[in-house]
Amino acid sequence: MRIYNKNTLRSIDPKKFYNLFKNHLTIYISVSIIVILSITGGYYYFNAKARILRSIDNHDFQKALELIKDYINDNPNDPFVLKSQGKLYFIMAITKKYNDILEMNDSQTIAKSITFYNKLIQLKNNEYLTSDTYFFLGTGYLFIDPKNAIYFDKALKYLEMSNQLNKDDQYVDKFYNNHGFKLYINNQTLSMSIYGLLGFTAFKLEKYDKAIEYLDQAIKQKDTSMLFYFYLALSYYGKNIYAKAIELLKLVLYKEKDQLILEKAYFVLGDIFLKKKEYNQAIYYIEKIQTIKPSAKAYYILGNIYEEQKQITTALKYWNKALSINKKHNQSIIKLKQYENKYKHKKK
């Protein structure tokens, strides 16, 4: 035990104590401020990402563009920024909610989305190369130019990559569960699964085996559409598997209300029965088209059916009917001229 007496105790100078306390307090406050600034700065940095994504998901596109502009500063190739812009421009295009924000059409907006995603892929940052990245990129290629087969090839490539990655990371599944995914196709707003998109793309590329595989998966989804059954039927038709095509097309006729799909279904059924030389059935379905709208093409096909049965007078009547709807229907004009020349030669 240590013993203190009055001779060994030193008196404390209050002024020195105050200065010591003041110095320690200053250091403490300074360190606290640095820590707080570091935490809040980091929070703001990471929270900015969340606010950007939230704005995109809420379709607040103007705000998303402003937040991204503030975020990128001197680093426009930041992988998060590239991925966010890719998603932003894609969703702007498919929801058509950009006319007040950008002076672009659908194709231009999707093209911007594709550009950002391709830049992201070039960075080879696996953290951002997830299933949703390839999903939006593949779907972008699918709809940027429906007449260009090159884009369909790329669409199928990236959608298949997305489907494979989604089995592990499930980012596409999470997107579907949280937001759904709807597209405007053939005058319908459809809930589209990734299998529906894959099947549709494979069909456009005439890869009918793949189309059948993917569309079979699509029709098992809870938000399926008769459009999937229709393209599944067309895929079987493309493989000359007529019995299955007929079965599916009849189902489409029974349940579908969209007149454009019904018209196409009648045409395909008519053609199938014509190829099978079941003429009465072929006539039945082709005549059904006229109940939807007058069609020069339908009358032309009816003329061909009767021609094949050697009923030339009736065939001529239908080709003339085709011209009554469309005076420039070239195929009907050619047929009528052929028989006109034949009759001239007979008279000679």
Protein backbone atom coordinates (compact mmCIF):
# COMPACT_ATOMS: atom_id res chain seq x y z
CA MET A 1 0.00 0.00 0.00
CA ARG A 2 1.23 3.43 -0.94
CA ILE A 3 1.11 6.08 1.80
CA TYR A 4 0.60 9.74 0.91
CA ASN A 5 1.25 12.69 3.23
CA LYS A 6 0.85 16.35 2.74
CA ASN A 7 4.53 16.76 1.93
CA THR A 8 4.37 14.36 -1.03
CA LEU A 9 1.10 15.61 -2.56
CA ARG A 10 1.37 18.21 -5.31
CA SER A 11 -1.25 20.83 -5.73
CA ILE A 12 -3.16 20.90 -9.06
CA ASP A 13 -3.11 24.11 -11.01
CA PRO A 14 -6.74 24.65 -12.21
CA LYS A 15 -5.55 26.56 -15.27
CA LYS A 16 -3.30 23.68 -16.43
CA PHE A 17 -6.09 21.17 -15.80
CA TYR A 18 -8.50 23.20 -17.90
CA ASN A 19 -6.01 23.42 -20.80
CA LEU A 20 -5.35 19.67 -20.61
CA PHE A 21 -9.08 18.92 -20.63
CA LYS A 22 -9.61 21.35 -23.47
CA ASN A 23 -6.90 19.70 -25.61
CA HIS A 24 -8.28 16.21 -25.01
CA LEU A 25 -11.82 17.38 -25.76
CA THR A 26 -10.67 19.04 -28.98
CA ILE A 27 -8.99 15.83 -30.14
CA TYR A 28 -12.06 13.77 -29.24
CA ILE A 29 -14.43 16.10 -31.08
CA SER A 30 -12.15 16.20 -34.16
CA VAL A 31 -11.88 12.41 -34.31
CA SER A 32 -15.66 12.09 -33.82
CA ILE A 33 -16.35 14.52 -36.67
CA ILE A 34 -13.99 12.62 -38.99
CA VAL A 35 -15.67 9.31 -38.11
CA ILE A 36 -19.15 10.76 -38.57
CA LEU A 37 -18.23 12.31 -41.91
CA SER A 38 -16.70 9.05 -43.05
CA ILE A 39 -19.80 7.09 -42.10
CA THR A 40 -22.30 9.55 -43.53
CA GLY A 41 -20.21 10.04 -46.66
CA GLY A 42 -20.04 6.30 -47.21
CA TYR A 43 -23.72 5.99 -46.44
CA TYR A 44 -24.52 8.70 -48.98
CA TYR A 45 -22.28 7.01 -51.56
CA PHE A 46 -23.89 3.61 -51.22
CA ASN A 47 -27.36 5.00 -50.63
CA ALA A 48 -27.06 6.87 -53.93
CA LYS A 49 -26.97 3.49 -55.66
CA ALA A 50 -30.13 2.42 -53.86
CA ARG A 51 -31.88 5.66 -54.78
CA ILE A 52 -30.95 5.25 -58.45
CA LEU A 53 -32.28 1.69 -58.55
CA ARG A 54 -35.40 2.67 -56.62
CA SER A 55 -36.12 5.50 -59.08
CA ILE A 56 -35.78 3.11 -62.03
CA ASP A 57 -38.02 0.50 -60.40
CA ASN A 58 -40.62 3.18 -59.60
CA HIS A 59 -40.42 4.45 -63.22
CA ASP A 60 -39.33 7.89 -61.98
CA PHE A 61 -37.04 8.19 -64.98
CA GLN A 62 -36.32 11.93 -64.74
CA LYS A 63 -35.10 11.52 -61.18
CA ALA A 64 -33.04 8.45 -62.14
CA LEU A 65 -31.30 10.39 -64.91
CA GLU A 66 -30.50 13.24 -62.52
CA LEU A 67 -29.16 10.89 -59.83
CA ILE A 68 -26.98 9.06 -62.34
CA LYS A 69 -25.63 12.35 -63.66
CA ASP A 70 -24.67 13.40 -60.11
CA TYR A 71 -23.17 10.00 -59.38
CA ILE A 72 -20.90 9.43 -62.36
CA ASN A 73 -18.86 12.66 -62.13
CA ASP A 74 -15.56 11.80 -63.81
CA ASN A 75 -16.13 8.06 -64.11
CA PRO A 76 -18.77 7.37 -66.77
CA ASN A 77 -17.50 3.79 -67.14
CA ASP A 78 -18.27 2.82 -63.56
CA PRO A 79 -19.87 -0.66 -63.91
CA PHE A 80 -22.79 0.24 -61.65
CA VAL A 81 -23.53 3.31 -63.77
CA LEU A 82 -23.34 1.36 -67.03
CA LYS A 83 -25.66 -1.36 -65.74
CA SER A 84 -28.12 1.18 -64.28
CA GLN A 85 -28.27 3.14 -67.54
CA GLY A 86 -28.75 -0.04 -69.54
CA LYS A 87 -31.73 -1.02 -67.39
CA LEU A 88 -33.08 2.54 -67.29
CA TYR A 89 -33.20 3.02 -71.08
CA PHE A 90 -34.60 -0.45 -71.67
CA ILE A 91 -37.50 0.01 -69.23
CA MET A 92 -38.13 3.50 -70.59
CA ALA A 93 -38.53 1.97 -74.06
CA ILE A 94 -40.86 -0.89 -73.15
CA THR A 95 -43.07 1.29 -70.94
CA LYS A 96 -43.01 4.15 -73.49
CA LYS A 97 -42.70 6.69 -70.66
CA TYR A 98 -39.88 8.75 -72.06
CA ASN A 99 -41.49 11.11 -74.57
CA ASP A 100 -41.42 13.99 -72.09
CA ILE A 101 -37.80 13.23 -71.15
CA LEU A 102 -35.97 12.24 -74.34
CA GLU A 103 -36.46 12.98 -78.02
CA MET A 104 -36.13 9.35 -79.08
CA ASN A 105 -38.22 6.57 -80.53
CA ASP A 106 -38.38 3.01 -79.17
CA SER A 107 -35.50 1.70 -81.27
CA GLN A 108 -33.19 4.57 -80.36
CA THR A 109 -33.91 4.16 -76.67
CA ILE A 110 -33.30 0.39 -76.79
CA ALA A 111 -30.12 1.03 -78.80
CA LYS A 112 -28.81 3.21 -75.94
CA SER A 113 -29.61 0.43 -73.48
CA ILE A 114 -27.72 -2.10 -75.61
CA THR A 115 -24.72 0.26 -75.87
CA PHE A 116 -24.43 0.58 -72.08
CA TYR A 117 -24.76 -3.17 -71.53
CA ASN A 118 -22.11 -3.95 -74.17
CA LYS A 119 -19.72 -1.51 -72.49
CA LEU A 120 -20.40 -3.26 -69.20
CA ILE A 121 -19.59 -6.66 -70.72
CA GLN A 122 -16.30 -5.31 -72.07
CA LEU A 123 -15.22 -4.45 -68.51
CA LYS A 124 -15.45 -8.17 -67.62
CA ASN A 125 -16.53 -7.36 -64.07
CA ASN A 126 -18.28 -10.56 -63.01
CA GLU A 127 -19.96 -8.84 -60.08
CA TYR A 128 -22.23 -7.05 -62.56
CA LEU A 129 -22.47 -9.74 -65.25
CA THR A 130 -25.51 -11.37 -63.68
CA SER A 131 -28.59 -13.00 -65.17
CA ASP A 132 -30.56 -9.74 -65.27
CA THR A 133 -27.78 -8.04 -67.27
CA TYR A 134 -28.02 -10.62 -70.04
CA PHE A 135 -31.81 -10.75 -69.75
CA PHE A 136 -32.28 -7.04 -70.53
CA LEU A 137 -29.57 -7.12 -73.19
CA GLY A 138 -31.08 -10.16 -74.92
CA THR A 139 -34.60 -8.73 -74.79
CA GLY A 140 -33.27 -5.44 -76.15
CA TYR A 141 -31.84 -7.22 -79.19
CA LEU A 142 -35.12 -9.07 -79.62
CA PHE A 143 -37.15 -5.88 -80.03
CA ILE A 144 -34.73 -3.35 -81.53
CA ASP A 145 -35.41 -4.47 -85.13
CA PRO A 146 -37.92 -7.32 -85.65
CA LYS A 147 -36.83 -7.71 -89.30
CA ASN A 148 -33.10 -8.25 -88.68
CA ALA A 149 -32.10 -11.89 -88.10
CA ILE A 150 -28.68 -10.85 -86.77
CA TYR A 151 -30.35 -9.27 -83.77
CA PHE A 152 -32.40 -12.43 -83.15
CA ASP A 153 -29.19 -14.48 -83.01
CA LYS A 154 -27.78 -12.13 -80.38
CA ALA A 155 -31.08 -12.11 -78.50
CA LEU A 156 -31.12 -15.91 -78.26
CA LYS A 157 -27.45 -16.01 -77.21
CA TYR A 158 -27.88 -13.56 -74.32
CA LEU A 159 -31.26 -14.87 -73.20
CA GLU A 160 -29.82 -18.38 -72.99
CA MET A 161 -26.89 -17.04 -70.95
CA SER A 162 -29.36 -15.27 -68.68
CA ASN A 163 -31.43 -18.42 -68.22
CA GLN A 164 -28.33 -20.41 -67.29
CA LEU A 165 -27.08 -17.83 -64.76
CA ASN A 166 -30.55 -17.35 -63.30
CA LYS A 167 -30.53 -20.94 -62.06
CA ASP A 168 -27.82 -19.87 -59.60
CA ASP A 169 -28.23 -16.15 -58.89
CA GLN A 170 -32.04 -15.92 -59.49
CA TYR A 171 -31.83 -12.20 -60.30
CA VAL A 172 -34.34 -12.55 -63.14
CA ASP A 173 -36.71 -14.49 -60.88
CA LYS A 174 -36.44 -11.73 -58.26
CA PHE A 175 -37.17 -9.09 -60.89
CA TYR A 176 -40.25 -11.00 -62.06
CA ASN A 177 -41.50 -11.54 -58.51
CA ASN A 178 -41.06 -7.88 -57.56
CA HIS A 179 -42.11 -6.13 -60.75
CA GLY A 180 -43.40 -8.61 -63.33
CA PHE A 181 -42.45 -8.21 -66.95
CA LYS A 182 -44.97 -7.20 -69.58
CA LEU A 183 -44.53 -6.57 -73.28
CA TYR A 184 -46.88 -5.27 -75.97
CA ILE A 185 -47.02 -7.92 -78.71
CA ASN A 186 -49.67 -8.50 -81.39
CA ASN A 187 -51.99 -5.89 -79.85
CA GLN A 188 -51.77 -7.54 -76.44
CA THR A 189 -50.02 -6.66 -73.20
CA LEU A 190 -48.48 -9.94 -72.12
CA SER A 191 -46.74 -11.22 -69.03
CA MET A 192 -43.60 -12.68 -70.55
CA SER A 193 -41.46 -15.29 -68.84
CA ILE A 194 -37.87 -15.83 -69.92
CA TYR A 195 -38.97 -19.13 -71.50
CA GLY A 196 -41.61 -17.30 -73.51
CA LEU A 197 -38.98 -14.90 -74.82
CA LEU A 198 -36.60 -17.77 -75.60
CA GLY A 199 -39.32 -19.69 -77.44
CA PHE A 200 -40.42 -16.65 -79.42
CA THR A 201 -36.81 -15.87 -80.41
CA ALA A 202 -36.01 -19.46 -81.38
CA PHE A 203 -39.17 -19.55 -83.52
CA LYS A 204 -38.14 -16.37 -85.34
CA LEU A 205 -34.80 -18.05 -86.12
CA GLU A 206 -36.68 -21.16 -87.36
CA LYS A 207 -34.96 -23.23 -84.66
CA TYR A 208 -38.15 -25.16 -84.11
CA ASP A 209 -36.80 -27.83 -81.75
CA LYS A 210 -35.53 -25.17 -79.36
CA ALA A 211 -38.74 -23.18 -79.78
CA ILE A 212 -40.82 -26.22 -78.82
CA GLU A 213 -38.59 -26.92 -75.79
CA TYR A 214 -38.79 -23.36 -74.48
CA LEU A 215 -42.48 -22.77 -75.27
CA ASP A 216 -43.39 -26.01 -73.50
CA GLN A 217 -41.74 -24.48 -70.43
CA ALA A 218 -43.47 -21.15 -70.99
CA ILE A 219 -46.99 -22.59 -71.01
CA LYS A 220 -46.32 -24.12 -67.61
CA GLN A 221 -45.93 -20.63 -66.10
CA LYS A 222 -48.87 -19.21 -64.16
CA ASP A 223 -49.09 -16.06 -66.34
CA THR A 224 -49.09 -17.90 -69.64
CA SER A 225 -50.74 -16.61 -72.81
CA MET A 226 -52.45 -18.23 -75.77
CA LEU A 227 -49.76 -16.53 -77.85
CA PHE A 228 -47.32 -19.13 -76.53
CA TYR A 229 -49.66 -21.92 -77.68
CA PHE A 230 -49.93 -20.20 -81.05
CA TYR A 231 -46.16 -20.06 -81.60
CA LEU A 232 -45.82 -23.59 -80.28
CA ALA A 233 -48.35 -24.66 -82.93
CA LEU A 234 -46.41 -22.78 -85.61
CA SER A 235 -43.21 -24.51 -84.49
CA TYR A 236 -44.81 -27.93 -84.96
CA TYR A 237 -46.16 -26.69 -88.30
CA GLY A 238 -42.60 -25.69 -89.27
CA LYS A 239 -41.47 -29.26 -88.51
CA ASN A 240 -44.40 -30.68 -90.56
CA ILE A 241 -45.86 -32.28 -87.42
CA TYR A 242 -49.36 -31.41 -88.51
CA ALA A 243 -51.44 -33.38 -85.98
CA LYS A 244 -49.91 -31.53 -83.04
CA ALA A 245 -50.13 -28.20 -84.85
CA ILE A 246 -53.85 -28.75 -85.57
CA GLU A 247 -54.53 -29.69 -81.95
CA LEU A 248 -52.88 -26.54 -80.61
CA LEU A 249 -54.39 -24.23 -83.24
CA LYS A 250 -57.89 -25.47 -82.45
CA LEU A 251 -57.22 -24.69 -78.79
CA VAL A 252 -56.13 -21.17 -79.80
CA LEU A 253 -59.31 -20.70 -81.85
CA TYR A 254 -61.41 -21.79 -78.88
CA LYS A 255 -59.79 -19.51 -76.29
CA GLU A 256 -58.20 -16.59 -78.14
CA LYS A 257 -60.06 -13.36 -78.87
CA ASP A 258 -57.40 -11.35 -80.66
CA GLN A 259 -58.48 -11.13 -84.29
CA LEU A 260 -54.97 -10.92 -85.70
CA ILE A 261 -54.00 -14.23 -84.09
CA LEU A 262 -57.30 -15.82 -85.11
CA GLU A 263 -56.78 -14.74 -88.71
CA LYS A 264 -53.27 -16.25 -88.78
CA ALA A 265 -54.53 -19.46 -87.15
CA TYR A 266 -57.21 -19.86 -89.83
CA PHE A 267 -54.62 -19.34 -92.57
CA VAL A 268 -52.26 -21.97 -91.11
CA LEU A 269 -55.04 -24.51 -90.58
CA GLY A 270 -56.24 -23.95 -94.14
CA ASP A 271 -52.73 -24.49 -95.47
CA ILE A 272 -52.24 -27.66 -93.40
CA PHE A 273 -55.45 -29.23 -94.69
CA LEU A 274 -54.61 -28.14 -98.23
CA LYS A 275 -51.26 -29.94 -97.96
CA LYS A 276 -53.10 -32.98 -96.60
CA LYS A 277 -55.48 -32.66 -99.58
CA GLU A 278 -58.44 -32.44 -97.22
CA TYR A 279 -60.06 -29.76 -99.34
CA ASN A 280 -63.36 -29.33 -97.52
CA GLN A 281 -61.55 -28.66 -94.25
CA ALA A 282 -59.16 -26.29 -96.00
CA ILE A 283 -62.07 -24.36 -97.52
CA TYR A 284 -63.85 -24.23 -94.16
CA TYR A 285 -60.95 -22.53 -92.35
CA ILE A 286 -59.99 -20.17 -95.18
CA GLU A 287 -63.61 -18.99 -95.49
CA LYS A 288 -63.58 -18.27 -91.75
CA ILE A 289 -61.05 -15.50 -92.40
CA GLN A 290 -63.71 -13.49 -94.22
CA THR A 291 -65.75 -13.38 -90.98
CA ILE A 292 -62.90 -11.35 -89.43
CA LYS A 293 -62.26 -9.01 -92.35
CA PRO A 294 -62.35 -9.15 -96.17
CA SER A 295 -59.10 -10.68 -97.38
CA ALA A 296 -57.73 -10.77 -100.92
CA LYS A 297 -55.20 -13.37 -99.81
CA ALA A 298 -57.96 -15.66 -98.51
CA TYR A 299 -59.87 -15.44 -101.79
CA TYR A 300 -56.65 -16.15 -103.69
CA ILE A 301 -56.03 -19.31 -101.61
CA LEU A 302 -59.62 -20.45 -102.12
CA GLY A 303 -59.08 -20.05 -105.86
CA ASN A 304 -55.98 -22.25 -105.60
CA ILE A 305 -57.90 -24.91 -103.64
CA TYR A 306 -60.59 -25.11 -106.32
CA GLU A 307 -57.94 -25.07 -109.06
CA GLU A 308 -56.30 -28.09 -107.43
CA GLN A 309 -59.68 -29.86 -107.61
CA LYS A 310 -59.96 -28.96 -111.34
CA GLN A 311 -62.89 -26.62 -110.63
CA ILE A 312 -61.46 -23.82 -112.76
CA THR A 313 -64.64 -21.74 -113.10
CA THR A 314 -64.97 -21.50 -109.32
CA ALA A 315 -61.26 -20.78 -109.02
CA LEU A 316 -61.54 -17.88 -111.47
CA LYS A 317 -64.47 -16.50 -109.48
CA TYR A 318 -62.39 -16.35 -106.27
CA TRP A 319 -59.37 -14.79 -107.95
CA ASN A 320 -61.66 -12.07 -109.30
CA LYS A 321 -63.06 -11.61 -105.79
CA ALA A 322 -59.51 -11.10 -104.56
CA LEU A 323 -59.09 -8.28 -107.09
CA SER A 324 -62.39 -6.73 -105.97
CA ILE A 325 -60.74 -6.21 -102.57
CA ASN A 326 -57.26 -5.40 -103.81
CA LYS A 327 -56.93 -4.42 -107.47
CA LYS A 328 -53.15 -4.82 -107.26
CA HIS A 329 -53.13 -8.34 -105.79
CA ASN A 330 -50.32 -9.59 -108.00
CA GLN A 331 -50.75 -13.35 -107.45
CA SER A 332 -54.42 -13.25 -108.49
CA ILE A 333 -53.58 -11.12 -111.54
CA ILE A 334 -50.97 -13.69 -112.65
CA LYS A 335 -53.42 -16.59 -112.24
CA LEU A 336 -56.15 -14.83 -114.21
CA LYS A 337 -53.74 -13.93 -117.01
CA GLN A 338 -52.50 -17.54 -117.23
CA TYR A 339 -56.02 -18.83 -117.83
CA GLU A 340 -56.88 -15.93 -120.11
CA ASN A 341 -53.90 -16.88 -122.32
CA LYS A 342 -54.93 -20.55 -122.24
CA TYR A 343 -58.43 -19.73 -123.45
CA LYS A 344 -57.02 -17.50 -126.21
CA HIS A 345 -54.81 -20.32 -127.49
CA LYS A 346 -57.77 -22.73 -127.45
CA LYS A 347 -59.88 -20.37 -129.55
CA LYS A 348 -57.09 -20.14 -132.13
